[in-house]
Amino acid sequence: MELGNLEELEARINRLLERHERIKREKELAERRLQQRESEWHQLRGQIRQYERERSEIRERLEKILGNLEHLDIA
């Protein structure tokens, strides 16, 4: 094998290793972002469940108040 071919092979391998490292870092960054988004999503789902419970409680209380008003003898 000629020295020029060996140098070209070494250069290609180095470029390949650099690309591999860059892609590996990009993958790790994407995974961290995904974990962050999933965490945010779980928090938002928790808030939605809380708001739904509160809405249900408010609805029940309003229905009770309206029921009490219906029993009043106003007219």
C-alpha atoms as a PDB file:
ATOM      1  CA  MET A   1       0.000   0.000   0.000  1.00  0.00           C
ATOM      2  CA  GLU A   2       1.394   3.390  -0.928  1.00  0.00           C
ATOM      3  CA  LEU A   3       1.957   6.069   1.676  1.00  0.00           C
ATOM      4  CA  GLY A   4      -0.521   8.388  -0.098  1.00  0.00           C
ATOM      5  CA  ASN A   5      -3.251   5.767   0.061  1.00  0.00           C
ATOM      6  CA  LEU A   6      -2.549   5.148   3.723  1.00  0.00           C
ATOM      7  CA  GLU A   7      -2.744   8.883   4.475  1.00  0.00           C
ATOM      8  CA  GLU A   8      -6.026   9.136   2.556  1.00  0.00           C
ATOM      9  CA  LEU A   9      -7.423   6.165   4.491  1.00  0.00           C
ATOM     10  CA  GLU A  10      -6.324   7.739   7.772  1.00  0.00           C
ATOM     11  CA  ALA A  11      -7.955  11.051   6.814  1.00  0.00           C
ATOM     12  CA  ARG A  12     -11.216   9.309   5.926  1.00  0.00           C
ATOM     13  CA  ILE A  13     -11.206   7.400   9.204  1.00  0.00           C
ATOM     14  CA  ASN A  14     -10.571  10.633  11.125  1.00  0.00           C
ATOM     15  CA  ARG A  15     -13.467  12.360   9.329  1.00  0.00           C
ATOM     16  CA  LEU A  16     -15.681   9.378  10.056  1.00  0.00           C
ATOM     17  CA  LEU A  17     -14.748   9.472  13.752  1.00  0.00           C
ATOM     18  CA  GLU A  18     -15.420  13.222  13.908  1.00  0.00           C
ATOM     19  CA  ARG A  19     -18.842  12.754  12.288  1.00  0.00           C
ATOM     20  CA  HIS A  20     -19.582   9.916  14.670  1.00  0.00           C
ATOM     21  CA  GLU A  21     -18.754  12.086  17.704  1.00  0.00           C
ATOM     22  CA  ARG A  22     -20.802  15.008  16.353  1.00  0.00           C
ATOM     23  CA  ILE A  23     -23.808  12.761  15.716  1.00  0.00           C
ATOM     24  CA  LYS A  24     -23.399  11.202  19.166  1.00  0.00           C
ATOM     25  CA  ARG A  25     -23.467  14.670  20.799  1.00  0.00           C
ATOM     26  CA  GLU A  26     -26.489  15.685  18.730  1.00  0.00           C
ATOM     27  CA  LYS A  27     -28.297  12.500  19.761  1.00  0.00           C
ATOM     28  CA  GLU A  28     -27.540  13.125  23.444  1.00  0.00           C
ATOM     29  CA  LEU A  29     -28.826  16.700  23.124  1.00  0.00           C
ATOM     30  CA  ALA A  30     -31.990  15.493  21.393  1.00  0.00           C
ATOM     31  CA  GLU A  31     -32.558  12.911  24.138  1.00  0.00           C
ATOM     32  CA  ARG A  32     -32.175  15.573  26.857  1.00  0.00           C
ATOM     33  CA  ARG A  33     -34.620  17.832  25.036  1.00  0.00           C
ATOM     34  CA  LEU A  34     -37.073  14.966  24.697  1.00  0.00           C
ATOM     35  CA  GLN A  35     -36.838  14.176  28.411  1.00  0.00           C
ATOM     36  CA  GLN A  36     -37.414  17.841  29.220  1.00  0.00           C
ATOM     37  CA  ARG A  37     -40.462  18.009  26.947  1.00  0.00           C
ATOM     38  CA  GLU A  38     -41.860  14.799  28.461  1.00  0.00           C
ATOM     39  CA  SER A  39     -41.404  16.234  31.941  1.00  0.00           C
ATOM     40  CA  GLU A  40     -43.182  19.437  30.900  1.00  0.00           C
ATOM     41  CA  TRP A  41     -45.966  17.382  29.341  1.00  0.00           C
ATOM     42  CA  HIS A  42     -46.478  15.399  32.566  1.00  0.00           C
ATOM     43  CA  GLN A  43     -46.615  18.626  34.570  1.00  0.00           C
ATOM     44  CA  LEU A  44     -49.179  20.106  32.206  1.00  0.00           C
ATOM     45  CA  ARG A  45     -51.276  16.927  32.348  1.00  0.00           C
ATOM     46  CA  GLY A  46     -51.223  17.208  36.141  1.00  0.00           C
ATOM     47  CA  GLN A  47     -52.387  20.810  35.936  1.00  0.00           C
ATOM     48  CA  ILE A  48     -55.176  19.868  33.549  1.00  0.00           C
ATOM     49  CA  ARG A  49     -56.374  17.129  35.933  1.00  0.00           C
ATOM     50  CA  GLN A  50     -56.312  19.624  38.804  1.00  0.00           C
ATOM     51  CA  TYR A  51     -58.289  22.181  36.767  1.00  0.00           C
ATOM     52  CA  GLU A  52     -60.817  19.517  35.792  1.00  0.00           C
ATOM     53  CA  ARG A  53     -61.307  18.558  39.461  1.00  0.00           C
ATOM     54  CA  GLU A  54     -61.722  22.212  40.420  1.00  0.00           C
ATOM     55  CA  ARG A  55     -64.204  22.782  37.608  1.00  0.00           C
ATOM     56  CA  SER A  56     -66.207  19.775  38.724  1.00  0.00           C
ATOM     57  CA  GLU A  57     -66.253  21.004  42.321  1.00  0.00           C
ATOM     58  CA  ILE A  58     -67.350  24.480  41.218  1.00  0.00           C
ATOM     59  CA  ARG A  59     -70.083  23.000  39.057  1.00  0.00           C
ATOM     60  CA  GLU A  60     -71.388  20.913  41.978  1.00  0.00           C
ATOM     61  CA  ARG A  61     -71.366  23.920  44.296  1.00  0.00           C
ATOM     62  CA  LEU A  62     -73.181  26.077  41.727  1.00  0.00           C
ATOM     63  CA  GLU A  63     -75.789  23.372  41.177  1.00  0.00           C
ATOM     64  CA  LYS A  64     -76.314  23.196  44.949  1.00  0.00           C
ATOM     65  CA  ILE A  65     -76.674  26.976  45.170  1.00  0.00           C
ATOM     66  CA  LEU A  66     -79.133  27.013  42.252  1.00  0.00           C
ATOM     67  CA  GLY A  67     -81.077  24.168  43.859  1.00  0.00           C
ATOM     68  CA  ASN A  68     -81.292  26.143  47.108  1.00  0.00           C
ATOM     69  CA  LEU A  69     -82.493  29.201  45.202  1.00  0.00           C
ATOM     70  CA  GLU A  70     -85.222  27.155  43.532  1.00  0.00           C
ATOM     71  CA  HIS A  71     -86.566  26.185  46.936  1.00  0.00           C
ATOM     72  CA  LEU A  72     -86.914  29.793  48.011  1.00  0.00           C
ATOM     73  CA  ASP A  73     -90.418  31.075  47.758  1.00  0.00           C
ATOM     74  CA  ILE A  74     -89.733  34.267  45.829  1.00  0.00           C
ATOM     75  CA  ALA A  75     -92.529  35.612  43.686  1.00  0.00           C
END
